[in-house]
C-alpha atoms as a PDB file:
ATOM      1  CA  MET A   1     -25.318  47.660 -30.627  1.00  0.00           C
ATOM      2  CA  ALA A   2     -24.600  46.217 -27.235  1.00  0.00           C
ATOM      3  CA  VAL A   3     -27.166  46.239 -24.459  1.00  0.00           C
ATOM      4  CA  ARG A   4     -26.125  47.541 -21.135  1.00  0.00           C
ATOM      5  CA  ARG A   5     -27.233  45.931 -18.342  1.00  0.00           C
ATOM      6  CA  PRO A   6     -28.098  47.764 -15.120  1.00  0.00           C
ATOM      7  CA  PHE A   7     -25.842  48.517 -12.499  1.00  0.00           C
ATOM      8  CA  ARG A   8     -26.148  45.860  -9.442  1.00  0.00           C
ATOM      9  CA  ARG A   9     -25.385  46.847  -5.696  1.00  0.00           C
ATOM     10  CA  ARG A  10     -22.773  43.921  -4.421  1.00  0.00           C
ATOM     11  CA  ARG A  11     -24.581  42.022  -1.493  1.00  0.00           C
ATOM     12  CA  ALA A  12     -21.864  41.244   1.212  1.00  0.00           C
ATOM     13  CA  GLU A  13     -18.109  41.731   0.566  1.00  0.00           C
ATOM     14  CA  PRO A  14     -16.480  38.141   0.034  1.00  0.00           C
ATOM     15  CA  THR A  15     -13.409  37.120   2.114  1.00  0.00           C
ATOM     16  CA  ALA A  16     -10.111  37.352   0.740  1.00  0.00           C
ATOM     17  CA  ASP A  17      -9.675  33.425  -0.228  1.00  0.00           C
ATOM     18  CA  GLU A  18     -13.373  33.520  -1.619  1.00  0.00           C
ATOM     19  CA  SER A  19     -13.338  36.579  -3.931  1.00  0.00           C
ATOM     20  CA  PRO A  20     -11.621  37.150  -6.978  1.00  0.00           C
ATOM     21  CA  PRO A  21      -8.578  39.886  -6.511  1.00  0.00           C
ATOM     22  CA  SER A  22      -9.236  43.094  -7.972  1.00  0.00           C
ATOM     23  CA  SER A  23      -7.413  44.387 -10.801  1.00  0.00           C
ATOM     24  CA  ALA A  24      -4.905  46.270  -9.067  1.00  0.00           C
ATOM     25  CA  VAL A  25      -3.973  42.930  -7.005  1.00  0.00           C
ATOM     26  CA  ALA A  26      -3.521  41.258 -10.591  1.00  0.00           C
ATOM     27  CA  GLU A  27      -1.463  44.017 -11.913  1.00  0.00           C
ATOM     28  CA  HIS A  28       0.609  44.785  -8.660  1.00  0.00           C
ATOM     29  CA  GLY A  29       0.542  41.653  -6.747  1.00  0.00           C
ATOM     30  CA  GLU A  30      -0.571  43.635  -3.696  1.00  0.00           C
ATOM     31  CA  ALA A  31      -3.768  44.560  -2.061  1.00  0.00           C
ATOM     32  CA  THR A  32      -4.681  48.514  -2.108  1.00  0.00           C
ATOM     33  CA  THR A  33      -6.873  48.097   1.206  1.00  0.00           C
ATOM     34  CA  SER A  34      -5.837  46.320   4.224  1.00  0.00           C
ATOM     35  CA  ALA A  35      -7.750  42.929   5.046  1.00  0.00           C
ATOM     36  CA  LYS A  36      -8.571  44.767   8.715  1.00  0.00           C
ATOM     37  CA  THR A  37     -10.576  47.802   7.074  1.00  0.00           C
ATOM     38  CA  PRO A  38     -13.800  47.055   5.473  1.00  0.00           C
ATOM     39  CA  ALA A  39     -14.770  48.041   1.938  1.00  0.00           C
ATOM     40  CA  PRO A  40     -16.284  51.039   1.613  1.00  0.00           C
ATOM     41  CA  ALA A  41     -19.963  50.869   1.332  1.00  0.00           C
ATOM     42  CA  THR A  42     -20.037  53.082  -1.854  1.00  0.00           C
ATOM     43  CA  PRO A  43     -20.426  51.473  -4.911  1.00  0.00           C
ATOM     44  CA  GLN A  44     -17.558  51.364  -7.401  1.00  0.00           C
ATOM     45  CA  ALA A  45     -17.829  52.302 -11.064  1.00  0.00           C
ATOM     46  CA  PRO A  46     -17.226  49.151 -12.798  1.00  0.00           C
ATOM     47  CA  ALA A  47     -13.477  48.411 -13.553  1.00  0.00           C
ATOM     48  CA  ASP A  48     -11.963  48.090 -17.245  1.00  0.00           C
ATOM     49  CA  PRO A  49     -13.138  44.293 -18.480  1.00  0.00           C
ATOM     50  CA  HIS A  50      -9.468  43.329 -19.240  1.00  0.00           C
ATOM     51  CA  ASP A  51      -8.381  44.057 -16.003  1.00  0.00           C
ATOM     52  CA  ARG A  52     -11.162  41.919 -14.479  1.00  0.00           C
ATOM     53  CA  ILE A  53     -10.698  39.103 -16.789  1.00  0.00           C
ATOM     54  CA  ASP A  54      -6.507  39.463 -15.920  1.00  0.00           C
ATOM     55  CA  GLY A  55      -7.802  39.221 -11.977  1.00  0.00           C
ATOM     56  CA  LEU A  56     -10.157  36.419 -12.506  1.00  0.00           C
ATOM     57  CA  ARG A  57      -7.392  34.610 -14.191  1.00  0.00           C
ATOM     58  CA  ALA A  58      -4.649  35.276 -11.472  1.00  0.00           C
ATOM     59  CA  TRP A  59      -7.528  34.203  -9.129  1.00  0.00           C
ATOM     60  CA  VAL A  60      -7.954  30.833 -10.869  1.00  0.00           C
ATOM     61  CA  ALA A  61      -4.124  30.378 -11.146  1.00  0.00           C
ATOM     62  CA  GLN A  62      -3.982  30.818  -7.365  1.00  0.00           C
ATOM     63  CA  LEU A  63      -7.084  28.448  -6.819  1.00  0.00           C
ATOM     64  CA  HIS A  64      -5.354  25.956  -9.201  1.00  0.00           C
ATOM     65  CA  ARG A  65      -2.162  26.236  -7.042  1.00  0.00           C
ATOM     66  CA  LYS A  66      -3.859  25.721  -3.837  1.00  0.00           C
ATOM     67  CA  LEU A  67      -6.115  22.844  -5.477  1.00  0.00           C
ATOM     68  CA  ALA A  68      -2.770  21.161  -6.635  1.00  0.00           C
ATOM     69  CA  THR A  69      -1.261  21.394  -3.710  1.00  0.00           C
ATOM     70  CA  ARG A  70      -3.914  20.032  -1.659  1.00  0.00           C
ATOM     71  CA  THR A  71      -4.283  17.200  -4.366  1.00  0.00           C
ATOM     72  CA  TYR A  72      -0.634  16.054  -3.918  1.00  0.00           C
ATOM     73  CA  VAL A  73      -0.782  16.378  -0.098  1.00  0.00           C
ATOM     74  CA  GLY A  74      -3.955  14.261  -0.038  1.00  0.00           C
ATOM     75  CA  ALA A  75      -2.334  11.803  -2.569  1.00  0.00           C
ATOM     76  CA  ALA A  76       0.979  11.540  -0.273  1.00  0.00           C
ATOM     77  CA  VAL A  77      -1.114  10.845   2.881  1.00  0.00           C
ATOM     78  CA  ALA A  78      -3.387   8.278   0.830  1.00  0.00           C
ATOM     79  CA  VAL A  79      -0.173   6.627  -0.359  1.00  0.00           C
ATOM     80  CA  LEU A  80       1.275   6.460   3.282  1.00  0.00           C
ATOM     81  CA  ALA A  81      -2.123   5.235   4.691  1.00  0.00           C
ATOM     82  CA  LEU A  82      -2.039   2.429   1.982  1.00  0.00           C
ATOM     83  CA  ALA A  83       1.606   1.675   2.890  1.00  0.00           C
ATOM     84  CA  ALA A  84       0.623   1.780   6.851  1.00  0.00           C
ATOM     85  CA  ALA A  85      -2.361  -0.408   5.865  1.00  0.00           C
ATOM     86  CA  ALA A  86      -0.097  -2.842   3.911  1.00  0.00           C
ATOM     87  CA  VAL A  87       2.652  -2.950   6.797  1.00  0.00           C
ATOM     88  CA  ALA A  88      -0.011  -3.906   9.592  1.00  0.00           C
ATOM     89  CA  LEU A  89      -1.314  -6.672   7.402  1.00  0.00           C
ATOM     90  CA  VAL A  90       1.970  -8.059   7.134  1.00  0.00           C
ATOM     91  CA  LEU A  91       2.611  -7.841  10.543  1.00  0.00           C
ATOM     92  CA  THR A  92      -0.958  -9.241  11.305  1.00  0.00           C
ATOM     93  CA  LEU A  93      -0.190 -12.022   9.001  1.00  0.00           C
ATOM     94  CA  GLU A  94       3.386 -13.018  10.554  1.00  0.00           C
ATOM     95  CA  LEU A  95       1.901 -12.645  13.750  1.00  0.00           C
ATOM     96  CA  LYS A  96      -0.746 -15.153  12.965  1.00  0.00           C
ATOM     97  CA  GLN A  97       1.739 -17.405  11.640  1.00  0.00           C
ATOM     98  CA  ASP A  98       3.898 -17.467  14.523  1.00  0.00           C
ATOM     99  CA  ALA A  99       1.052 -17.678  17.091  1.00  0.00           C
ATOM    100  CA  ALA A 100       0.902 -20.776  19.404  1.00  0.00           C
ATOM    101  CA  THR A 101      -2.393 -22.922  18.177  1.00  0.00           C
ATOM    102  CA  ASN A 102      -4.082 -24.825  20.938  1.00  0.00           C
ATOM    103  CA  GLY A 103      -2.500 -27.964  19.713  1.00  0.00           C
ATOM    104  CA  ASP A 104       0.962 -26.697  19.972  1.00  0.00           C
ATOM    105  CA  ILE A 105       0.076 -25.453  23.750  1.00  0.00           C
ATOM    106  CA  GLN A 106      -1.498 -28.974  24.698  1.00  0.00           C
ATOM    107  CA  SER A 107       1.750 -30.794  22.848  1.00  0.00           C
ATOM    108  CA  LEU A 108       3.936 -28.720  25.047  1.00  0.00           C
ATOM    109  CA  GLN A 109       1.766 -29.379  28.225  1.00  0.00           C
ATOM    110  CA  ASP A 110       2.179 -32.896  27.327  1.00  0.00           C
ATOM    111  CA  GLN A 111       5.755 -32.787  27.011  1.00  0.00           C
ATOM    112  CA  ILE A 112       6.398 -30.730  30.156  1.00  0.00           C
ATOM    113  CA  SER A 113       4.208 -33.361  32.274  1.00  0.00           C
ATOM    114  CA  ALA A 114       6.248 -36.171  30.832  1.00  0.00           C
ATOM    115  CA  VAL A 115       9.447 -34.454  31.667  1.00  0.00           C
ATOM    116  CA  GLU A 116       8.012 -33.776  35.240  1.00  0.00           C
ATOM    117  CA  GLN A 117       7.456 -37.390  35.423  1.00  0.00           C
ATOM    118  CA  THR A 118      10.843 -38.449  34.259  1.00  0.00           C
ATOM    119  CA  ALA A 119      12.098 -35.935  36.512  1.00  0.00           C
ATOM    120  CA  SER A 120      10.031 -37.634  39.563  1.00  0.00           C
ATOM    121  CA  GLN A 121      11.174 -41.102  38.023  1.00  0.00           C
ATOM    122  CA  SER A 122      14.768 -40.188  38.113  1.00  0.00           C
ATOM    123  CA  GLN A 123      14.429 -38.644  41.663  1.00  0.00           C
ATOM    124  CA  ALA A 124      12.734 -41.982  42.889  1.00  0.00           C
ATOM    125  CA  ALA A 125      15.627 -43.909  41.302  1.00  0.00           C
ATOM    126  CA  GLN A 126      17.908 -41.932  42.639  1.00  0.00           C
ATOM    127  CA  GLU A 127      16.489 -42.241  46.196  1.00  0.00           C
ATOM    128  CA  ASP A 128      16.351 -45.903  45.631  1.00  0.00           C
ATOM    129  CA  VAL A 129      20.326 -46.023  44.596  1.00  0.00           C
ATOM    130  CA  GLN A 130      20.905 -44.074  47.556  1.00  0.00           C
ATOM    131  CA  ALA A 131      19.010 -46.675  49.306  1.00  0.00           C
ATOM    132  CA  LEU A 132      21.145 -49.588  47.793  1.00  0.00           C
ATOM    133  CA  ASP A 133      24.625 -47.484  48.272  1.00  0.00           C
ATOM    134  CA  ARG A 134      23.437 -47.505  52.161  1.00  0.00           C
ATOM    135  CA  ARG A 135      22.256 -51.222  52.102  1.00  0.00           C
ATOM    136  CA  LEU A 136      25.448 -52.065  50.414  1.00  0.00           C
ATOM    137  CA  ALA A 137      27.560 -50.218  52.795  1.00  0.00           C
ATOM    138  CA  GLN A 138      25.857 -52.068  55.795  1.00  0.00           C
ATOM    139  CA  LEU A 139      26.365 -55.299  54.028  1.00  0.00           C
ATOM    140  CA  GLU A 140      30.010 -54.615  53.775  1.00  0.00           C
ATOM    141  CA  ASP A 141      30.179 -53.759  57.345  1.00  0.00           C
ATOM    142  CA  ASP A 142      28.436 -57.373  58.072  1.00  0.00           C
ATOM    143  CA  VAL A 143      30.831 -59.045  55.717  1.00  0.00           C
ATOM    144  CA  ASN A 144      33.789 -57.032  57.336  1.00  0.00           C
ATOM    145  CA  ARG A 145      32.268 -58.163  60.877  1.00  0.00           C
ATOM    146  CA  ILE A 146      31.679 -61.824  59.707  1.00  0.00           C
ATOM    147  CA  SER A 147      35.487 -62.346  58.079  1.00  0.00           C
ATOM    148  CA  THR A 148      36.588 -60.748  61.365  1.00  0.00           C
ATOM    149  CA  GLY A 149      34.766 -63.123  63.720  1.00  0.00           C
ATOM    150  CA  GLN A 150      35.823 -66.174  61.177  1.00  0.00           C
ATOM    151  CA  THR A 151      39.547 -64.809  61.708  1.00  0.00           C
ATOM    152  CA  THR A 152      39.015 -64.726  65.188  1.00  0.00           C
ATOM    153  CA  THR A 153      37.259 -68.290  65.485  1.00  0.00           C
ATOM    154  CA  ARG A 154      40.189 -69.707  63.289  1.00  0.00           C
ATOM    155  CA  ARG A 155      42.385 -68.510  65.808  1.00  0.00           C
ATOM    156  CA  GLU A 156      40.643 -70.128  68.490  1.00  0.00           C
ATOM    157  CA  LEU A 157      40.188 -73.220  66.359  1.00  0.00           C
ATOM    158  CA  ARG A 158      44.051 -73.636  66.147  1.00  0.00           C
ATOM    159  CA  VAL A 159      44.624 -72.540  69.840  1.00  0.00           C
ATOM    160  CA  VAL A 160      42.363 -75.499  70.816  1.00  0.00           C
ATOM    161  CA  GLN A 161      43.669 -77.695  68.261  1.00  0.00           C
ATOM    162  CA  ASP A 162      46.958 -76.854  69.512  1.00  0.00           C
ATOM    163  CA  ASP A 163      45.556 -77.523  73.500  1.00  0.00           C
ATOM    164  CA  ILE A 164      44.469 -80.666  72.009  1.00  0.00           C
ATOM    165  CA  LYS A 165      47.366 -82.003  70.779  1.00  0.00           C
ATOM    166  CA  GLU A 166      49.344 -81.002  73.797  1.00  0.00           C
ATOM    167  CA  LEU A 167      47.014 -82.784  75.864  1.00  0.00           C
ATOM    168  CA  ARG A 168      47.246 -85.785  73.759  1.00  0.00           C
ATOM    169  CA  SER A 169      51.048 -85.994  73.827  1.00  0.00           C
ATOM    170  CA  GLN A 170      50.539 -85.337  77.642  1.00  0.00           C
ATOM    171  CA  VAL A 171      48.196 -88.093  77.809  1.00  0.00           C
ATOM    172  CA  ALA A 172      50.522 -90.512  75.837  1.00  0.00           C
ATOM    173  CA  SER A 173      53.549 -89.571  77.750  1.00  0.00           C
ATOM    174  CA  ALA A 174      51.547 -90.318  80.750  1.00  0.00           C
ATOM    175  CA  ARG A 175      50.355 -93.446  79.681  1.00  0.00           C
ATOM    176  CA  SER A 176      53.699 -94.350  78.492  1.00  0.00           C
ATOM    177  CA  SER A 177      55.013 -93.764  81.824  1.00  0.00           C
ATOM    178  CA  SER A 178      52.351 -95.794  83.357  1.00  0.00           C
ATOM    179  CA  GLY A 179      53.055 -98.707  81.232  1.00  0.00           C
ATOM    180  CA  GLY A 180      50.363-101.378  80.873  1.00  0.00           C
ATOM    181  CA  GLY A 181      47.632 -98.889  81.459  1.00  0.00           C
ATOM    182  CA  SER A 182      48.711 -97.034  78.034  1.00  0.00           C
ATOM    183  CA  GLN A 183      47.038 -99.676  75.844  1.00  0.00           C
ATOM    184  CA  ALA A 184      43.866 -99.340  77.814  1.00  0.00           C
ATOM    185  CA  GLY A 185      44.119 -95.425  77.578  1.00  0.00           C
ATOM    186  CA  GLN A 186      45.314 -95.464  74.001  1.00  0.00           C
ATOM    187  CA  ALA A 187      42.248 -97.510  73.281  1.00  0.00           C
ATOM    188  CA  SER A 188      40.072 -95.143  75.294  1.00  0.00           C
ATOM    189  CA  GLY A 189      41.699 -92.134  73.699  1.00  0.00           C
ATOM    190  CA  GLN A 190      41.168 -93.482  70.126  1.00  0.00           C
ATOM    191  CA  ALA A 191      37.539 -93.870  71.200  1.00  0.00           C
ATOM    192  CA  SER A 192      37.286 -90.489  72.122  1.00  0.00           C
ATOM    193  CA  GLY A 193      39.556 -89.163  69.670  1.00  0.00           C
ATOM    194  CA  PRO A 194      38.716 -87.313  66.620  1.00  0.00           C
END
């Protein structure tokens, strides 16, 4: 004989997600009572155990589907988070490799200062070259002026030499016309001549 348990009153109605569906839900797939209307407070007669087991099986299957879906979603989120972490790690390592060290920065500063010194030296050299160009132009002007002066002096010298020759010829002709005094004039002319 089967021992019969006394009838127990239900404490509170569980929510739709927590409570197993009734046998009517398991058989027909839809609830007989609406979600908005509360269940009656009167105790119900115990249902057929097979119907209850079928309802429990349907409820467990539904929970299993929800749990499987949540597990798949959680696994997908975990895989995506792991992939994002790997990408972030790779990017961080690449940035660390590409980042300049203090030695690199100091080397660049030294190179820049060397270029600035070279530029200032080349600018000073360029100024020196310009000063030499001006000095050379001034010297060329001086040489041209001296050359022009020498040409003028040569012309004047030729004129003076021509004048001296003419004077000598005049003195010689004057002496030859005076006769004896010409010998004394020649002697004095030779003494004063070049």
